[in-house]
Full PDB file with SEQRES, HELIX, SHEET, SSBOND, CRYST1, ORIGX, SCALE, CONECT and MASTER records, all heavy atoms in Angstrom:
SEQRES   1 A   39  LEU GLU ILE GLN ASP TYR GLN GLU SER GLY ALA THR LEU          
SEQRES   2 A   39  SER ARG ASP ARG LEU LYS THR GLU PRO PHE GLU GLU ASN          
SEQRES   3 A   39  SER PHE LEU LYS GLN PHE MET VAL GLU LYS LEU PRO GLU          
HELIX    1 AA1 GLU A    2  GLU A    8  1                                   7    
HELIX    2 AA2 ASP A   16  LEU A   18  5                                   3    
HELIX    3 AA3 GLU A   25  GLN A   31  1                                   7    
HELIX    4 AA4 PHE A   32  LYS A   36  3                                   5    
CRYST1    1.000    1.000    1.000  90.00  90.00  90.00 P 1           1          
ORIGX1      1.000000  0.000000  0.000000        0.00000                         
ORIGX2      0.000000  1.000000  0.000000        0.00000                         
ORIGX3      0.000000  0.000000  1.000000        0.00000                         
SCALE1      1.000000  0.000000  0.000000        0.00000                         
SCALE2      0.000000  1.000000  0.000000        0.00000                         
SCALE3      0.000000  0.000000  1.000000        0.00000                         
ATOM      1  N   LEU A   1     189.725 238.757  62.789  1.00  0.00           N  
ATOM      2  CA  LEU A   1     189.981 240.006  63.346  1.00  0.00           C  
ATOM      3  C   LEU A   1     189.065 240.357  64.440  1.00  0.00           C  
ATOM      4  O   LEU A   1     189.378 240.897  65.520  1.00  0.00           O  
ATOM      5  CB  LEU A   1     189.918 241.206  62.236  1.00  0.00           C  
ATOM      6  CG  LEU A   1     191.127 241.041  61.208  1.00  0.00           C  
ATOM      7  CD1 LEU A   1     190.798 242.156  60.140  1.00  0.00           C  
ATOM      8  CD2 LEU A   1     192.430 241.239  61.904  1.00  0.00           C  
ATOM      9  N   GLU A   2     187.826 240.026  64.301  1.00  0.00           N  
ATOM     10  CA  GLU A   2     186.812 240.177  65.336  1.00  0.00           C  
ATOM     11  C   GLU A   2     187.111 239.294  66.502  1.00  0.00           C  
ATOM     12  O   GLU A   2     187.042 239.957  67.727  1.00  0.00           O  
ATOM     13  CB  GLU A   2     185.453 239.798  64.833  1.00  0.00           C  
ATOM     14  CG  GLU A   2     184.308 240.054  65.748  1.00  0.00           C  
ATOM     15  CD  GLU A   2     182.981 239.618  65.167  1.00  0.00           C  
ATOM     16  OE1 GLU A   2     182.875 239.208  64.009  1.00  0.00           O  
ATOM     17  OE2 GLU A   2     181.909 239.717  65.942  1.00  0.00           O  
ATOM     18  N   ILE A   3     187.482 238.152  66.473  1.00  0.00           N  
ATOM     19  CA  ILE A   3     187.901 237.265  67.488  1.00  0.00           C  
ATOM     20  C   ILE A   3     189.108 237.797  68.137  1.00  0.00           C  
ATOM     21  O   ILE A   3     189.261 237.797  69.475  1.00  0.00           O  
ATOM     22  CB  ILE A   3     188.106 235.839  67.111  1.00  0.00           C  
ATOM     23  CG1 ILE A   3     186.867 235.175  66.551  1.00  0.00           C  
ATOM     24  CG2 ILE A   3     188.674 234.908  68.126  1.00  0.00           C  
ATOM     25  CD1 ILE A   3     186.928 233.829  65.910  1.00  0.00           C  
ATOM     26  N   GLN A   4     190.084 238.301  67.406  1.00  0.00           N  
ATOM     27  CA  GLN A   4     191.271 238.876  68.094  1.00  0.00           C  
ATOM     28  C   GLN A   4     190.957 240.007  68.863  1.00  0.00           C  
ATOM     29  O   GLN A   4     191.518 240.340  69.861  1.00  0.00           O  
ATOM     30  CB  GLN A   4     192.276 239.250  66.942  1.00  0.00           C  
ATOM     31  CG  GLN A   4     193.582 239.823  67.553  1.00  0.00           C  
ATOM     32  CD  GLN A   4     194.518 240.214  66.341  1.00  0.00           C  
ATOM     33  OE1 GLN A   4     194.226 239.986  65.167  1.00  0.00           O  
ATOM     34  NE2 GLN A   4     195.642 240.836  66.627  1.00  0.00           N  
ATOM     35  N   ASP A   5     190.023 240.934  68.431  1.00  0.00           N  
ATOM     36  CA  ASP A   5     189.543 242.057  69.136  1.00  0.00           C  
ATOM     37  C   ASP A   5     188.946 241.661  70.520  1.00  0.00           C  
ATOM     38  O   ASP A   5     189.248 242.214  71.616  1.00  0.00           O  
ATOM     39  CB  ASP A   5     188.640 242.897  68.336  1.00  0.00           C  
ATOM     40  CG  ASP A   5     188.175 244.190  69.056  1.00  0.00           C  
ATOM     41  OD1 ASP A   5     189.101 245.114  69.234  1.00  0.00           O  
ATOM     42  OD2 ASP A   5     187.009 244.249  69.388  1.00  0.00           O  
ATOM     43  N   TYR A   6     188.114 240.660  70.365  1.00  0.00           N  
ATOM     44  CA  TYR A   6     187.423 240.109  71.685  1.00  0.00           C  
ATOM     45  C   TYR A   6     188.592 239.640  72.651  1.00  0.00           C  
ATOM     46  O   TYR A   6     188.501 239.889  73.873  1.00  0.00           O  
ATOM     47  CB  TYR A   6     186.501 238.945  71.326  1.00  0.00           C  
ATOM     48  CG  TYR A   6     185.253 239.310  70.604  1.00  0.00           C  
ATOM     49  CD1 TYR A   6     184.577 238.575  69.734  1.00  0.00           C  
ATOM     50  CD2 TYR A   6     184.672 240.651  70.915  1.00  0.00           C  
ATOM     51  CE1 TYR A   6     183.435 238.868  69.069  1.00  0.00           C  
ATOM     52  CE2 TYR A   6     183.560 241.034  70.230  1.00  0.00           C  
ATOM     53  CZ  TYR A   6     182.966 240.232  69.298  1.00  0.00           C  
ATOM     54  OH  TYR A   6     181.737 240.517  68.669  1.00  0.00           O  
ATOM     55  N   GLN A   7     189.539 238.855  72.103  1.00  0.00           N  
ATOM     56  CA  GLN A   7     190.565 238.348  73.031  1.00  0.00           C  
ATOM     57  C   GLN A   7     191.417 239.492  73.650  1.00  0.00           C  
ATOM     58  O   GLN A   7     191.728 239.393  74.875  1.00  0.00           O  
ATOM     59  CB  GLN A   7     191.546 237.375  72.270  1.00  0.00           C  
ATOM     60  CG  GLN A   7     190.723 236.068  71.709  1.00  0.00           C  
ATOM     61  CD  GLN A   7     191.641 235.255  70.937  1.00  0.00           C  
ATOM     62  OE1 GLN A   7     192.694 235.777  70.467  1.00  0.00           O  
ATOM     63  NE2 GLN A   7     191.284 234.047  70.745  1.00  0.00           N  
ATOM     64  N   GLU A   8     191.731 240.536  72.845  1.00  0.00           N  
ATOM     65  CA  GLU A   8     192.434 241.644  73.440  1.00  0.00           C  
ATOM     66  C   GLU A   8     191.693 242.386  74.476  1.00  0.00           C  
ATOM     67  O   GLU A   8     192.275 243.145  75.258  1.00  0.00           O  
ATOM     68  CB  GLU A   8     192.880 242.524  72.307  1.00  0.00           C  
ATOM     69  CG  GLU A   8     193.955 241.952  71.306  1.00  0.00           C  
ATOM     70  CD  GLU A   8     194.263 242.812  70.117  1.00  0.00           C  
ATOM     71  OE1 GLU A   8     193.652 243.899  70.018  1.00  0.00           O  
ATOM     72  OE2 GLU A   8     195.176 242.456  69.416  1.00  0.00           O  
ATOM     73  N   SER A   9     190.352 242.298  74.353  1.00  0.00           N  
ATOM     74  CA  SER A   9     189.471 242.944  75.397  1.00  0.00           C  
ATOM     75  C   SER A   9     189.276 242.123  76.622  1.00  0.00           C  
ATOM     76  O   SER A   9     188.542 242.455  77.516  1.00  0.00           O  
ATOM     77  CB  SER A   9     188.109 243.306  74.717  1.00  0.00           C  
ATOM     78  OG  SER A   9     188.281 244.155  73.600  1.00  0.00           O  
ATOM     79  N   GLY A  10     189.847 240.888  76.683  1.00  0.00           N  
ATOM     80  CA  GLY A  10     189.810 240.153  77.826  1.00  0.00           C  
ATOM     81  C   GLY A  10     188.734 239.018  77.748  1.00  0.00           C  
ATOM     82  O   GLY A  10     188.582 238.279  78.697  1.00  0.00           O  
ATOM     83  N   ALA A  11     188.021 238.772  76.559  1.00  0.00           N  
ATOM     84  CA  ALA A  11     187.086 237.826  76.498  1.00  0.00           C  
ATOM     85  C   ALA A  11     187.744 236.388  76.361  1.00  0.00           C  
ATOM     86  O   ALA A  11     188.863 236.200  75.750  1.00  0.00           O  
ATOM     87  CB  ALA A  11     186.171 238.042  75.208  1.00  0.00           C  
ATOM     88  N   THR A  12     187.075 235.402  76.920  1.00  0.00           N  
ATOM     89  CA  THR A  12     187.656 233.970  76.896  1.00  0.00           C  
ATOM     90  C   THR A  12     186.469 233.139  76.504  1.00  0.00           C  
ATOM     91  O   THR A  12     185.294 233.339  76.645  1.00  0.00           O  
ATOM     92  CB  THR A  12     188.237 233.664  78.304  1.00  0.00           C  
ATOM     93  OG1 THR A  12     187.149 233.759  79.264  1.00  0.00           O  
ATOM     94  CG2 THR A  12     189.392 234.451  78.619  1.00  0.00           C  
ATOM     95  N   LEU A  13     186.881 231.914  75.941  1.00  0.00           N  
ATOM     96  CA  LEU A  13     185.860 230.926  75.576  1.00  0.00           C  
ATOM     97  C   LEU A  13     185.376 230.154  76.840  1.00  0.00           C  
ATOM     98  O   LEU A  13     186.199 229.883  77.663  1.00  0.00           O  
ATOM     99  CB  LEU A  13     186.561 229.977  74.580  1.00  0.00           C  
ATOM    100  CG  LEU A  13     186.733 230.537  73.105  1.00  0.00           C  
ATOM    101  CD1 LEU A  13     187.606 229.505  72.243  1.00  0.00           C  
ATOM    102  CD2 LEU A  13     185.413 230.815  72.353  1.00  0.00           C  
ATOM    103  N   SER A  14     184.157 229.909  76.836  1.00  0.00           N  
ATOM    104  CA  SER A  14     183.597 229.060  77.860  1.00  0.00           C  
ATOM    105  C   SER A  14     183.827 227.626  77.636  1.00  0.00           C  
ATOM    106  O   SER A  14     183.843 226.765  78.637  1.00  0.00           O  
ATOM    107  CB  SER A  14     182.088 229.336  78.059  1.00  0.00           C  
ATOM    108  OG  SER A  14     181.420 228.929  76.844  1.00  0.00           O  
ATOM    109  N   ARG A  15     184.112 227.123  76.417  1.00  0.00           N  
ATOM    110  CA  ARG A  15     184.459 225.771  76.100  1.00  0.00           C  
ATOM    111  C   ARG A  15     185.674 225.781  75.227  1.00  0.00           C  
ATOM    112  O   ARG A  15     185.699 226.377  74.145  1.00  0.00           O  
ATOM    113  CB  ARG A  15     183.257 225.138  75.406  1.00  0.00           C  
ATOM    114  CG  ARG A  15     182.058 224.846  76.340  1.00  0.00           C  
ATOM    115  CD  ARG A  15     180.853 224.502  75.527  1.00  0.00           C  
ATOM    116  NE  ARG A  15     180.279 225.635  74.845  1.00  0.00           N  
ATOM    117  CZ  ARG A  15     179.104 225.619  74.181  1.00  0.00           C  
ATOM    118  NH1 ARG A  15     178.444 224.491  74.033  1.00  0.00           N  
ATOM    119  NH2 ARG A  15     178.743 226.695  73.605  1.00  0.00           N  
ATOM    120  N   ASP A  16     186.674 225.056  75.591  1.00  0.00           N  
ATOM    121  CA  ASP A  16     187.915 225.078  74.920  1.00  0.00           C  
ATOM    122  C   ASP A  16     187.836 224.309  73.490  1.00  0.00           C  
ATOM    123  O   ASP A  16     188.601 224.695  72.624  1.00  0.00           O  
ATOM    124  CB  ASP A  16     189.068 224.295  75.697  1.00  0.00           C  
ATOM    125  CG  ASP A  16     189.431 225.109  76.944  1.00  0.00           C  
ATOM    126  OD1 ASP A  16     189.231 226.405  76.977  1.00  0.00           O  
ATOM    127  OD2 ASP A  16     189.921 224.462  77.917  1.00  0.00           O  
ATOM    128  N   ARG A  17     186.886 223.472  73.356  1.00  0.00           N  
ATOM    129  CA  ARG A  17     186.757 222.760  72.082  1.00  0.00           C  
ATOM    130  C   ARG A  17     186.263 223.669  70.949  1.00  0.00           C  
ATOM    131  O   ARG A  17     186.330 223.280  69.731  1.00  0.00           O  
ATOM    132  CB  ARG A  17     185.736 221.571  72.256  1.00  0.00           C  
ATOM    133  CG  ARG A  17     184.438 221.918  72.674  1.00  0.00           C  
ATOM    134  CD  ARG A  17     183.413 220.786  72.822  1.00  0.00           C  
ATOM    135  NE  ARG A  17     182.174 221.001  73.181  1.00  0.00           N  
ATOM    136  CZ  ARG A  17     181.167 221.294  72.338  1.00  0.00           C  
ATOM    137  NH1 ARG A  17     181.549 221.370  71.006  1.00  0.00           N  
ATOM    138  NH2 ARG A  17     179.948 221.665  72.678  1.00  0.00           N  
ATOM    139  N   LEU A  18     185.726 224.933  71.317  1.00  0.00           N  
ATOM    140  CA  LEU A  18     185.377 225.862  70.290  1.00  0.00           C  
ATOM    141  C   LEU A  18     186.514 226.617  69.685  1.00  0.00           C  
ATOM    142  O   LEU A  18     186.358 227.410  68.752  1.00  0.00           O  
ATOM    143  CB  LEU A  18     184.275 226.714  70.794  1.00  0.00           C  
ATOM    144  CG  LEU A  18     182.913 226.128  71.296  1.00  0.00           C  
ATOM    145  CD1 LEU A  18     181.991 227.093  71.901  1.00  0.00           C  
ATOM    146  CD2 LEU A  18     182.331 225.331  70.125  1.00  0.00           C  
ATOM    147  N   LYS A  19     187.688 226.547  70.267  1.00  0.00           N  
ATOM    148  CA  LYS A  19     188.815 227.298  69.839  1.00  0.00           C  
ATOM    149  C   LYS A  19     189.238 226.917  68.493  1.00  0.00           C  
ATOM    150  O   LYS A  19     189.344 225.736  68.198  1.00  0.00           O  
ATOM    151  CB  LYS A  19     189.892 227.151  70.818  1.00  0.00           C  
ATOM    152  CG  LYS A  19     191.089 228.108  70.562  1.00  0.00           C  
ATOM    153  CD  LYS A  19     192.211 228.025  71.541  1.00  0.00           C  
ATOM    154  CE  LYS A  19     193.323 228.917  71.322  1.00  0.00           C  
ATOM    155  NZ  LYS A  19     194.432 228.857  72.331  1.00  0.00           N  
ATOM    156  N   THR A  20     189.620 227.861  67.627  1.00  0.00           N  
ATOM    157  CA  THR A  20     190.021 227.638  66.308  1.00  0.00           C  
ATOM    158  C   THR A  20     191.275 228.399  66.038  1.00  0.00           C  
ATOM    159  O   THR A  20     191.503 229.488  66.674  1.00  0.00           O  
ATOM    160  CB  THR A  20     189.007 228.028  65.164  1.00  0.00           C  
ATOM    161  OG1 THR A  20     188.647 229.422  65.460  1.00  0.00           O  
ATOM    162  CG2 THR A  20     187.718 227.152  65.345  1.00  0.00           C  
ATOM    163  N   GLU A  21     192.092 228.071  65.077  1.00  0.00           N  
ATOM    164  CA  GLU A  21     193.250 228.721  64.650  1.00  0.00           C  
ATOM    165  C   GLU A  21     192.916 229.724  63.607  1.00  0.00           C  
ATOM    166  O   GLU A  21     191.987 229.618  62.875  1.00  0.00           O  
ATOM    167  CB  GLU A  21     194.334 227.742  64.048  1.00  0.00           C  
ATOM    168  CG  GLU A  21     194.757 226.748  65.082  1.00  0.00           C  
ATOM    169  CD  GLU A  21     195.535 227.302  66.262  1.00  0.00           C  
ATOM    170  OE1 GLU A  21     196.250 228.435  65.975  1.00  0.00           O  
ATOM    171  OE2 GLU A  21     195.439 226.836  67.366  1.00  0.00           O  
ATOM    172  N   PRO A  22     193.707 230.854  63.495  1.00  0.00           N  
ATOM    173  CA  PRO A  22     193.418 231.808  62.426  1.00  0.00           C  
ATOM    174  C   PRO A  22     193.529 231.226  61.042  1.00  0.00           C  
ATOM    175  O   PRO A  22     194.329 230.298  60.828  1.00  0.00           O  
ATOM    176  CB  PRO A  22     194.550 232.801  62.682  1.00  0.00           C  
ATOM    177  CG  PRO A  22     194.984 232.635  64.140  1.00  0.00           C  
ATOM    178  CD  PRO A  22     194.729 231.285  64.423  1.00  0.00           C  
ATOM    179  N   PHE A  23     192.587 231.632  60.137  1.00  0.00           N  
ATOM    180  CA  PHE A  23     192.459 231.095  58.901  1.00  0.00           C  
ATOM    181  C   PHE A  23     193.659 231.497  57.979  1.00  0.00           C  
ATOM    182  O   PHE A  23     193.961 232.659  57.801  1.00  0.00           O  
ATOM    183  CB  PHE A  23     191.203 231.549  58.269  1.00  0.00           C  
ATOM    184  CG  PHE A  23     191.013 230.995  56.890  1.00  0.00           C  
ATOM    185  CD1 PHE A  23     190.708 229.740  56.664  1.00  0.00           C  
ATOM    186  CD2 PHE A  23     191.123 231.856  55.760  1.00  0.00           C  
ATOM    187  CE1 PHE A  23     190.532 229.169  55.296  1.00  0.00           C  
ATOM    188  CE2 PHE A  23     190.861 231.350  54.480  1.00  0.00           C  
ATOM    189  CZ  PHE A  23     190.632 230.100  54.252  1.00  0.00           C  
ATOM    190  N   GLU A  24     194.342 230.448  57.398  1.00  0.00           N  
ATOM    191  CA  GLU A  24     195.391 230.777  56.482  1.00  0.00           C  
ATOM    192  C   GLU A  24     195.000 230.218  55.090  1.00  0.00           C  
ATOM    193  O   GLU A  24     194.882 228.993  54.920  1.00  0.00           O  
ATOM    194  CB  GLU A  24     196.655 230.094  56.929  1.00  0.00           C  
ATOM    195  CG  GLU A  24     197.258 230.644  58.202  1.00  0.00           C  
ATOM    196  CD  GLU A  24     197.877 232.055  57.981  1.00  0.00           C  
ATOM    197  OE1 GLU A  24     198.085 232.371  56.813  1.00  0.00           O  
ATOM    198  OE2 GLU A  24     198.057 232.725  59.012  1.00  0.00           O  
ATOM    199  N   GLU A  25     194.680 231.066  54.221  1.00  0.00           N  
ATOM    200  CA  GLU A  25     194.137 230.719  52.897  1.00  0.00           C  
ATOM    201  C   GLU A  25     195.025 229.779  52.115  1.00  0.00           C  
ATOM    202  O   GLU A  25     194.602 228.719  51.618  1.00  0.00           O  
ATOM    203  CB  GLU A  25     193.905 231.877  52.085  1.00  0.00           C  
ATOM    204  CG  GLU A  25     193.084 231.565  50.739  1.00  0.00           C  
ATOM    205  CD  GLU A  25     192.682 232.807  50.029  1.00  0.00           C  
ATOM    206  OE1 GLU A  25     192.939 233.914  50.530  1.00  0.00           O  
ATOM    207  OE2 GLU A  25     192.104 232.611  48.893  1.00  0.00           O  
ATOM    208  N   ASN A  26     196.370 230.063  52.062  1.00  0.00           N  
ATOM    209  CA  ASN A  26     197.344 229.255  51.267  1.00  0.00           C  
ATOM    210  C   ASN A  26     197.446 227.847  51.854  1.00  0.00           C  
ATOM    211  O   ASN A  26     197.465 226.789  51.083  1.00  0.00           O  
ATOM    212  CB  ASN A  26     198.699 229.908  51.183  1.00  0.00           C  
ATOM    213  CG  ASN A  26     198.653 231.249  50.388  1.00  0.00           C  
ATOM    214  OD1 ASN A  26     197.820 231.373  49.480  1.00  0.00           O  
ATOM    215  ND2 ASN A  26     199.537 232.074  50.764  1.00  0.00           N  
ATOM    216  N   SER A  27     197.512 227.703  53.218  1.00  0.00           N  
ATOM    217  CA  SER A  27     197.550 226.472  53.809  1.00  0.00           C  
ATOM    218  C   SER A  27     196.322 225.616  53.538  1.00  0.00           C  
ATOM    219  O   SER A  27     196.355 224.392  53.284  1.00  0.00           O  
ATOM    220  CB  SER A  27     197.878 226.589  55.357  1.00  0.00           C  
ATOM    221  OG  SER A  27     199.042 227.246  55.467  1.00  0.00           O  
ATOM    222  N   PHE A  28     195.167 226.321  53.633  1.00  0.00           N  
ATOM    223  CA  PHE A  28     193.872 225.672  53.335  1.00  0.00           C  
ATOM    224  C   PHE A  28     193.857 225.089  51.964  1.00  0.00           C  
ATOM    225  O   PHE A  28     193.314 223.949  51.757  1.00  0.00           O  
ATOM    226  CB  PHE A  28     192.790 226.593  53.658  1.00  0.00           C  
ATOM    227  CG  PHE A  28     191.473 226.152  53.187  1.00  0.00           C  
ATOM    228  CD1 PHE A  28     190.775 225.172  54.063  1.00  0.00           C  
ATOM    229  CD2 PHE A  28     190.891 226.452  52.036  1.00  0.00           C  
ATOM    230  CE1 PHE A  28     189.470 224.734  53.533  1.00  0.00           C  
ATOM    231  CE2 PHE A  28     189.602 226.043  51.625  1.00  0.00           C  
ATOM    232  CZ  PHE A  28     188.972 225.148  52.359  1.00  0.00           C  
ATOM    233  N   LEU A  29     194.255 225.916  50.958  1.00  0.00           N  
ATOM    234  CA  LEU A  29     194.201 225.432  49.588  1.00  0.00           C  
ATOM    235  C   LEU A  29     195.121 224.297  49.315  1.00  0.00           C  
ATOM    236  O   LEU A  29     194.707 223.318  48.602  1.00  0.00           O  
ATOM    237  CB  LEU A  29     194.561 226.615  48.658  1.00  0.00           C  
ATOM    238  CG  LEU A  29     193.433 227.725  48.653  1.00  0.00           C  
ATOM    239  CD1 LEU A  29     193.949 228.845  47.646  1.00  0.00           C  
ATOM    240  CD2 LEU A  29     192.047 227.297  48.150  1.00  0.00           C  
ATOM    241  N   LYS A  30     196.336 224.332  49.877  1.00  0.00           N  
ATOM    242  CA  LYS A  30     197.219 223.245  49.733  1.00  0.00           C  
ATOM    243  C   LYS A  30     196.671 221.930  50.298  1.00  0.00           C  
ATOM    244  O   LYS A  30     196.816 220.798  49.729  1.00  0.00           O  
ATOM    245  CB  LYS A  30     198.569 223.564  50.317  1.00  0.00           C  
ATOM    246  CG  LYS A  30     199.273 224.564  49.629  1.00  0.00           C  
ATOM    247  CD  LYS A  30     200.625 224.938  50.284  1.00  0.00           C  
ATOM    248  CE  LYS A  30     201.441 226.067  49.539  1.00  0.00           C  
ATOM    249  NZ  LYS A  30     202.771 226.345  50.150  1.00  0.00           N  
ATOM    250  N   GLN A  31     196.116 221.972  51.541  1.00  0.00           N  
ATOM    251  CA  GLN A  31     195.545 220.892  52.158  1.00  0.00           C  
ATOM    252  C   GLN A  31     194.259 220.333  51.312  1.00  0.00           C  
ATOM    253  O   GLN A  31     194.136 219.118  51.296  1.00  0.00           O  
ATOM    254  CB  GLN A  31     195.192 221.269  53.677  1.00  0.00           C  
ATOM    255  CG  GLN A  31     194.596 220.050  54.371  1.00  0.00           C  
ATOM    256  CD  GLN A  31     194.164 220.367  55.846  1.00  0.00           C  
ATOM    257  OE1 GLN A  31     194.196 221.596  56.140  1.00  0.00           O  
ATOM    258  NE2 GLN A  31     193.826 219.447  56.630  1.00  0.00           N  
ATOM    259  N   PHE A  32     193.597 221.230  50.854  1.00  0.00           N  
ATOM    260  CA  PHE A  32     192.442 220.775  50.090  1.00  0.00           C  
ATOM    261  C   PHE A  32     192.921 219.992  48.846  1.00  0.00           C  
ATOM    262  O   PHE A  32     192.270 218.999  48.476  1.00  0.00           O  
ATOM    263  CB  PHE A  32     191.546 222.056  49.632  1.00  0.00           C  
ATOM    264  CG  PHE A  32     190.323 221.645  48.796  1.00  0.00           C  
ATOM    265  CD1 PHE A  32     189.131 221.211  49.367  1.00  0.00           C  
ATOM    266  CD2 PHE A  32     190.426 221.799  47.418  1.00  0.00           C  
ATOM    267  CE1 PHE A  32     188.117 220.863  48.537  1.00  0.00           C  
ATOM    268  CE2 PHE A  32     189.378 221.459  46.620  1.00  0.00           C  
ATOM    269  CZ  PHE A  32     188.228 221.080  47.179  1.00  0.00           C  
ATOM    270  N   MET A  33     193.889 220.534  48.150  1.00  0.00           N  
ATOM    271  CA  MET A  33     194.379 219.822  46.948  1.00  0.00           C  
ATOM    272  C   MET A  33     194.884 218.465  47.273  1.00  0.00           C  
ATOM    273  O   MET A  33     194.679 217.529  46.391  1.00  0.00           O  
ATOM    274  CB  MET A  33     195.490 220.713  46.277  1.00  0.00           C  
ATOM    275  CG  MET A  33     195.055 221.998  45.747  1.00  0.00           C  
ATOM    276  SD  MET A  33     193.973 221.795  44.264  1.00  0.00           S  
ATOM    277  CE  MET A  33     193.776 223.527  43.771  1.00  0.00           C  
ATOM    278  N   VAL A  34     195.460 218.188  48.327  1.00  0.00           N  
ATOM    279  CA  VAL A  34     195.984 216.897  48.725  1.00  0.00           C  
ATOM    280  C   VAL A  34     194.973 215.952  49.292  1.00  0.00           C  
ATOM    281  O   VAL A  34     194.801 214.783  48.844  1.00  0.00           O  
ATOM    282  CB  VAL A  34     197.116 217.058  49.742  1.00  0.00           C  
ATOM    283  CG1 VAL A  34     197.600 215.685  50.143  1.00  0.00           C  
ATOM    284  CG2 VAL A  34     198.324 217.913  49.137  1.00  0.00           C  
ATOM    285  N   GLU A  35     194.060 216.466  50.089  1.00  0.00           N  
ATOM    286  CA  GLU A  35     193.192 215.578  50.827  1.00  0.00           C  
ATOM    287  C   GLU A  35     191.770 215.534  50.287  1.00  0.00           C  
ATOM    288  O   GLU A  35     191.125 214.474  50.229  1.00  0.00           O  
ATOM    289  CB  GLU A  35     193.134 215.929  52.396  1.00  0.00           C  
ATOM    290  CG  GLU A  35     194.481 216.019  53.104  1.00  0.00           C  
ATOM    291  CD  GLU A  35     194.343 216.416  54.474  1.00  0.00           C  
ATOM    292  OE1 GLU A  35     193.142 216.792  54.885  1.00  0.00           O  
ATOM    293  OE2 GLU A  35     195.353 216.499  55.191  1.00  0.00           O  
ATOM    294  N   LYS A  36     191.225 216.556  49.737  1.00  0.00           N  
ATOM    295  CA  LYS A  36     189.876 216.676  49.440  1.00  0.00           C  
ATOM    296  C   LYS A  36     189.587 216.607  47.941  1.00  0.00           C  
ATOM    297  O   LYS A  36     188.463 216.237  47.519  1.00  0.00           O  
ATOM    298  CB  LYS A  36     189.212 217.899  49.947  1.00  0.00           C  
ATOM    299  CG  LYS A  36     189.232 218.099  51.391  1.00  0.00           C  
ATOM    300  CD  LYS A  36     188.395 216.986  52.198  1.00  0.00           C  
ATOM    301  CE  LYS A  36     188.461 217.275  53.674  1.00  0.00           C  
ATOM    302  NZ  LYS A  36     187.698 216.171  54.391  1.00  0.00           N  
ATOM    303  N   LEU A  37     190.538 217.024  47.132  1.00  0.00           N  
ATOM    304  CA  LEU A  37     190.337 217.105  45.701  1.00  0.00           C  
ATOM    305  C   LEU A  37     189.979 215.799  44.984  1.00  0.00           C  
ATOM    306  O   LEU A  37     189.058 215.783  44.235  1.00  0.00           O  
ATOM    307  CB  LEU A  37     191.607 217.729  44.977  1.00  0.00           C  
ATOM    308  CG  LEU A  37     191.400 218.006  43.489  1.00  0.00           C  
ATOM    309  CD1 LEU A  37     190.251 219.144  43.286  1.00  0.00           C  
ATOM    310  CD2 LEU A  37     192.703 218.537  42.955  1.00  0.00           C  
ATOM    311  N   PRO A  38     190.647 214.691  45.247  1.00  0.00           N  
ATOM    312  CA  PRO A  38     190.264 213.435  44.684  1.00  0.00           C  
ATOM    313  C   PRO A  38     188.847 213.115  44.731  1.00  0.00           C  
ATOM    314  O   PRO A  38     188.199 212.629  43.831  1.00  0.00           O  
ATOM    315  CB  PRO A  38     191.159 212.467  45.241  1.00  0.00           C  
ATOM    316  CG  PRO A  38     192.360 213.199  45.764  1.00  0.00           C  
ATOM    317  CD  PRO A  38     191.843 214.471  46.192  1.00  0.00           C  
ATOM    318  N   GLU A  39     188.292 213.238  45.980  1.00  0.00           N  
ATOM    319  CA  GLU A  39     186.843 212.967  46.254  1.00  0.00           C  
ATOM    320  C   GLU A  39     185.941 214.021  45.610  1.00  0.00           C  
ATOM    321  O   GLU A  39     184.879 213.681  45.055  1.00  0.00           O  
ATOM    322  CB  GLU A  39     186.647 212.807  47.750  1.00  0.00           C  
ATOM    323  CG  GLU A  39     185.240 212.472  48.092  1.00  0.00           C  
ATOM    324  CD  GLU A  39     185.012 212.348  49.609  1.00  0.00           C  
ATOM    325  OE1 GLU A  39     186.051 212.492  50.319  1.00  0.00           O  
ATOM    326  OE2 GLU A  39     183.928 212.115  50.094  1.00  0.00           O  
TER     327      GLU A  39                                                      
MASTER        0    0    0    4    0    0    0    6  326    1    0    3          
END                                                                             
């Protein structure tokens, strides 16, 4: 929400590689169960 407020105010990233997608808890948990849980 803080990043969204910055973007709506016209702020931009100086480096594109720092850009992240909004966090989706359900998607994260499903991916963790499949990829990270065995290890």
